[in-house]
Amino acid sequence: MKPTEVGFVCVDAVSNRPFGYQIVVEKHHGEIKCLSKPGEGTEFLIKIPTDN
């Protein structure tokens, strides 16, 4: 699968979690939310605290 194909994701070989998750949630104690509506699209909300 190529990075430009739908469904492609890079995961960490040890934790099997996507790299974006590791950076936002584990390293910065943030949040990732995905809101999707069929036929309308998908919205990703990424929150990263500024008071670390």
PDB file of N, CA and C in Angstrom:
ATOM      1  N   MET A   1       0.840  -1.177   0.000  1.00  0.00           N
ATOM      2  CA  MET A   1       0.000   0.000   0.000  1.00  0.00           C
ATOM      3  C   MET A   1       0.887   1.243   0.000  1.00  0.00           C
ATOM      4  N   LYS A   2       0.519   2.227  -0.801  1.00  0.00           N
ATOM      5  CA  LYS A   2       1.286   3.463  -0.914  1.00  0.00           C
ATOM      6  C   LYS A   2       0.703   4.535   0.017  1.00  0.00           C
ATOM      7  N   PRO A   3       1.537   5.479   0.473  1.00  0.00           N
ATOM      8  CA  PRO A   3       1.056   6.547   1.363  1.00  0.00           C
ATOM      9  C   PRO A   3      -0.101   7.370   0.792  1.00  0.00           C
ATOM     10  N   THR A   4      -0.262   7.386  -0.507  1.00  0.00           N
ATOM     11  CA  THR A   4      -1.330   8.178  -1.119  1.00  0.00           C
ATOM     12  C   THR A   4      -2.645   7.406  -1.226  1.00  0.00           C
ATOM     13  N   GLU A   5      -2.649   6.116  -0.873  1.00  0.00           N
ATOM     14  CA  GLU A   5      -3.855   5.298  -0.972  1.00  0.00           C
ATOM     15  C   GLU A   5      -4.717   5.426   0.279  1.00  0.00           C
ATOM     16  N   VAL A   6      -6.028   5.376   0.086  1.00  0.00           N
ATOM     17  CA  VAL A   6      -6.959   5.430   1.201  1.00  0.00           C
ATOM     18  C   VAL A   6      -6.714   4.244   2.115  1.00  0.00           C
ATOM     19  N   GLY A   7      -6.656   4.493   3.413  1.00  0.00           N
ATOM     20  CA  GLY A   7      -6.446   3.429   4.378  1.00  0.00           C
ATOM     21  C   GLY A   7      -4.998   3.262   4.814  1.00  0.00           C
ATOM     22  N   PHE A   8      -4.063   3.973   4.152  1.00  0.00           N
ATOM     23  CA  PHE A   8      -2.653   3.869   4.533  1.00  0.00           C
ATOM     24  C   PHE A   8      -2.435   4.558   5.872  1.00  0.00           C
ATOM     25  N   VAL A   9      -1.704   3.902   6.747  1.00  0.00           N
ATOM     26  CA  VAL A   9      -1.358   4.509   8.032  1.00  0.00           C
ATOM     27  C   VAL A   9       0.005   3.980   8.465  1.00  0.00           C
ATOM     28  N   CYS A  10       0.815   4.839   9.058  1.00  0.00           N
ATOM     29  CA  CYS A  10       2.121   4.435   9.588  1.00  0.00           C
ATOM     30  C   CYS A  10       1.937   4.079  11.052  1.00  0.00           C
ATOM     31  N   VAL A  11       2.367   2.891  11.450  1.00  0.00           N
ATOM     32  CA  VAL A  11       2.235   2.490  12.840  1.00  0.00           C
ATOM     33  C   VAL A  11       3.587   2.131  13.429  1.00  0.00           C
ATOM     34  N   ASP A  12       3.695   2.297  14.736  1.00  0.00           N
ATOM     35  CA  ASP A  12       4.881   1.913  15.476  1.00  0.00           C
ATOM     36  C   ASP A  12       4.902   0.390  15.575  1.00  0.00           C
ATOM     37  N   ALA A  13       6.030  -0.224  15.304  1.00  0.00           N
ATOM     38  CA  ALA A  13       6.134  -1.683  15.292  1.00  0.00           C
ATOM     39  C   ALA A  13       5.954  -2.294  16.684  1.00  0.00           C
ATOM     40  N   VAL A  14       6.283  -1.551  17.730  1.00  0.00           N
ATOM     41  CA  VAL A  14       6.190  -2.079  19.090  1.00  0.00           C
ATOM     42  C   VAL A  14       4.779  -1.934  19.654  1.00  0.00           C
ATOM     43  N   SER A  15       4.229  -0.721  19.618  1.00  0.00           N
ATOM     44  CA  SER A  15       2.913  -0.489  20.229  1.00  0.00           C
ATOM     45  C   SER A  15       1.763  -0.743  19.261  1.00  0.00           C
ATOM     46  N   ASN A  16       2.058  -0.804  17.966  1.00  0.00           N
ATOM     47  CA  ASN A  16       1.060  -0.985  16.910  1.00  0.00           C
ATOM     48  C   ASN A  16       0.040   0.163  16.872  1.00  0.00           C
ATOM     49  N   ARG A  17       0.444   1.354  17.337  1.00  0.00           N
ATOM     50  CA  ARG A  17      -0.411   2.540  17.298  1.00  0.00           C
ATOM     51  C   ARG A  17       0.102   3.473  16.209  1.00  0.00           C
ATOM     52  N   PRO A  18      -0.811   4.227  15.585  1.00  0.00           N
ATOM     53  CA  PRO A  18      -0.378   5.191  14.565  1.00  0.00           C
ATOM     54  C   PRO A  18       0.571   6.233  15.162  1.00  0.00           C
ATOM     55  N   PHE A  19       1.532   6.684  14.363  1.00  0.00           N
ATOM     56  CA  PHE A  19       2.516   7.658  14.843  1.00  0.00           C
ATOM     57  C   PHE A  19       1.859   8.946  15.314  1.00  0.00           C
ATOM     58  N   GLY A  20       0.840   9.429  14.619  1.00  0.00           N
ATOM     59  CA  GLY A  20       0.158  10.661  15.034  1.00  0.00           C
ATOM     60  C   GLY A  20      -0.421  10.529  16.426  1.00  0.00           C
ATOM     61  N   TYR A  21      -0.979   9.362  16.731  1.00  0.00           N
ATOM     62  CA  TYR A  21      -1.529   9.109  18.060  1.00  0.00           C
ATOM     63  C   TYR A  21      -0.428   9.205  19.105  1.00  0.00           C
ATOM     64  N   GLN A  22       0.693   8.583  18.839  1.00  0.00           N
ATOM     65  CA  GLN A  22       1.790   8.592  19.805  1.00  0.00           C
ATOM     66  C   GLN A  22       2.274  10.009  20.079  1.00  0.00           C
ATOM     67  N   ILE A  23       2.409  10.806  19.041  1.00  0.00           N
ATOM     68  CA  ILE A  23       2.920  12.170  19.211  1.00  0.00           C
ATOM     69  C   ILE A  23       1.924  13.035  19.978  1.00  0.00           C
ATOM     70  N   VAL A  24       0.662  13.034  19.544  1.00  0.00           N
ATOM     71  CA  VAL A  24      -0.344  13.909  20.145  1.00  0.00           C
ATOM     72  C   VAL A  24      -0.769  13.433  21.531  1.00  0.00           C
ATOM     73  N   VAL A  25      -1.135  12.173  21.668  1.00  0.00           N
ATOM     74  CA  VAL A  25      -1.712  11.677  22.918  1.00  0.00           C
ATOM     75  C   VAL A  25      -0.644  11.287  23.938  1.00  0.00           C
ATOM     76  N   GLU A  26       0.303  10.460  23.548  1.00  0.00           N
ATOM     77  CA  GLU A  26       1.264   9.952  24.519  1.00  0.00           C
ATOM     78  C   GLU A  26       2.348  10.971  24.873  1.00  0.00           C
ATOM     79  N   LYS A  27       2.868  11.681  23.895  1.00  0.00           N
ATOM     80  CA  LYS A  27       3.962  12.618  24.173  1.00  0.00           C
ATOM     81  C   LYS A  27       3.460  13.957  24.709  1.00  0.00           C
ATOM     82  N   HIS A  28       2.361  14.477  24.129  1.00  0.00           N
ATOM     83  CA  HIS A  28       1.880  15.813  24.497  1.00  0.00           C
ATOM     84  C   HIS A  28       0.613  15.795  25.349  1.00  0.00           C
ATOM     85  N   HIS A  29       0.096  14.600  25.672  1.00  0.00           N
ATOM     86  CA  HIS A  29      -1.104  14.450  26.499  1.00  0.00           C
ATOM     87  C   HIS A  29      -2.298  15.193  25.897  1.00  0.00           C
ATOM     88  N   GLY A  30      -2.418  15.112  24.579  1.00  0.00           N
ATOM     89  CA  GLY A  30      -3.512  15.763  23.871  1.00  0.00           C
ATOM     90  C   GLY A  30      -4.620  14.791  23.524  1.00  0.00           C
ATOM     91  N   GLU A  31      -5.477  15.214  22.600  1.00  0.00           N
ATOM     92  CA  GLU A  31      -6.620  14.405  22.185  1.00  0.00           C
ATOM     93  C   GLU A  31      -6.732  14.404  20.667  1.00  0.00           C
ATOM     94  N   ILE A  32      -7.232  13.304  20.122  1.00  0.00           N
ATOM     95  CA  ILE A  32      -7.554  13.217  18.705  1.00  0.00           C
ATOM     96  C   ILE A  32      -8.989  12.708  18.615  1.00  0.00           C
ATOM     97  N   LYS A  33      -9.835  13.428  17.899  1.00  0.00           N
ATOM     98  CA  LYS A  33     -11.216  12.993  17.673  1.00  0.00           C
ATOM     99  C   LYS A  33     -11.490  12.999  16.184  1.00  0.00           C
ATOM    100  N   CYS A  34     -12.288  12.059  15.751  1.00  0.00           N
ATOM    101  CA  CYS A  34     -12.649  11.945  14.345  1.00  0.00           C
ATOM    102  C   CYS A  34     -14.165  11.974  14.234  1.00  0.00           C
ATOM    103  N   LEU A  35     -14.697  12.946  13.505  1.00  0.00           N
ATOM    104  CA  LEU A  35     -16.133  13.072  13.287  1.00  0.00           C
ATOM    105  C   LEU A  35     -16.392  12.836  11.810  1.00  0.00           C
ATOM    106  N   SER A  36     -17.193  11.826  11.499  1.00  0.00           N
ATOM    107  CA  SER A  36     -17.423  11.467  10.108  1.00  0.00           C
ATOM    108  C   SER A  36     -18.907  11.293   9.833  1.00  0.00           C
ATOM    109  N   LYS A  37     -19.349  11.857   8.709  1.00  0.00           N
ATOM    110  CA  LYS A  37     -20.738  11.716   8.279  1.00  0.00           C
ATOM    111  C   LYS A  37     -20.729  11.224   6.832  1.00  0.00           C
ATOM    112  N   PRO A  38     -21.352  10.079   6.587  1.00  0.00           N
ATOM    113  CA  PRO A  38     -21.387   9.543   5.229  1.00  0.00           C
ATOM    114  C   PRO A  38     -21.930  10.573   4.233  1.00  0.00           C
ATOM    115  N   GLY A  39     -21.231  10.753   3.147  1.00  0.00           N
ATOM    116  CA  GLY A  39     -21.646  11.682   2.111  1.00  0.00           C
ATOM    117  C   GLY A  39     -21.290  13.130   2.384  1.00  0.00           C
ATOM    118  N   GLU A  40     -20.831  13.442   3.608  1.00  0.00           N
ATOM    119  CA  GLU A  40     -20.485  14.824   3.959  1.00  0.00           C
ATOM    120  C   GLU A  40     -18.993  15.037   4.188  1.00  0.00           C
ATOM    121  N   GLY A  41     -18.296  13.996   4.606  1.00  0.00           N
ATOM    122  CA  GLY A  41     -16.866  14.127   4.832  1.00  0.00           C
ATOM    123  C   GLY A  41     -16.468  13.789   6.259  1.00  0.00           C
ATOM    124  N   THR A  42     -15.208  14.042   6.560  1.00  0.00           N
ATOM    125  CA  THR A  42     -14.639  13.716   7.865  1.00  0.00           C
ATOM    126  C   THR A  42     -13.903  14.916   8.420  1.00  0.00           C
ATOM    127  N   GLU A  43     -14.046  15.126   9.715  1.00  0.00           N
ATOM    128  CA  GLU A  43     -13.377  16.233  10.402  1.00  0.00           C
ATOM    129  C   GLU A  43     -12.525  15.641  11.516  1.00  0.00           C
ATOM    130  N   PHE A  44     -11.258  16.046  11.577  1.00  0.00           N
ATOM    131  CA  PHE A  44     -10.366  15.601  12.637  1.00  0.00           C
ATOM    132  C   PHE A  44     -10.121  16.768  13.582  1.00  0.00           C
ATOM    133  N   LEU A  45     -10.321  16.522  14.871  1.00  0.00           N
ATOM    134  CA  LEU A  45     -10.048  17.535  15.882  1.00  0.00           C
ATOM    135  C   LEU A  45      -8.814  17.090  16.655  1.00  0.00           C
ATOM    136  N   ILE A  46      -7.811  17.946  16.689  1.00  0.00           N
ATOM    137  CA  ILE A  46      -6.565  17.633  17.391  1.00  0.00           C
ATOM    138  C   ILE A  46      -6.336  18.717  18.432  1.00  0.00           C
ATOM    139  N   LYS A  47      -6.274  18.318  19.699  1.00  0.00           N
ATOM    140  CA  LYS A  47      -6.041  19.253  20.803  1.00  0.00           C
ATOM    141  C   LYS A  47      -4.722  18.923  21.454  1.00  0.00           C
ATOM    142  N   ILE A  48      -3.855  19.919  21.569  1.00  0.00           N
ATOM    143  CA  ILE A  48      -2.565  19.757  22.227  1.00  0.00           C
ATOM    144  C   ILE A  48      -2.464  20.829  23.302  1.00  0.00           C
ATOM    145  N   PRO A  49      -2.342  20.432  24.570  1.00  0.00           N
ATOM    146  CA  PRO A  49      -2.239  21.412  25.655  1.00  0.00           C
ATOM    147  C   PRO A  49      -1.004  22.293  25.503  1.00  0.00           C
ATOM    148  N   THR A  50      -1.138  23.542  25.910  1.00  0.00           N
ATOM    149  CA  THR A  50       0.004  24.473  25.833  1.00  0.00           C
ATOM    150  C   THR A  50       0.681  24.648  27.173  1.00  0.00           C
ATOM    151  N   ASP A  51       0.168  23.999  28.219  1.00  0.00           N
ATOM    152  CA  ASP A  51       0.727  24.180  29.562  1.00  0.00           C
ATOM    153  C   ASP A  51       1.543  22.990  30.038  1.00  0.00           C
ATOM    154  N   ASN A  52       2.321  22.366  29.150  1.00  0.00           N
ATOM    155  CA  ASN A  52       3.148  21.207  29.542  1.00  0.00           C
ATOM    156  C   ASN A  52       4.351  21.650  30.304  1.00  0.00           C
TER     157      ASN A  52
END
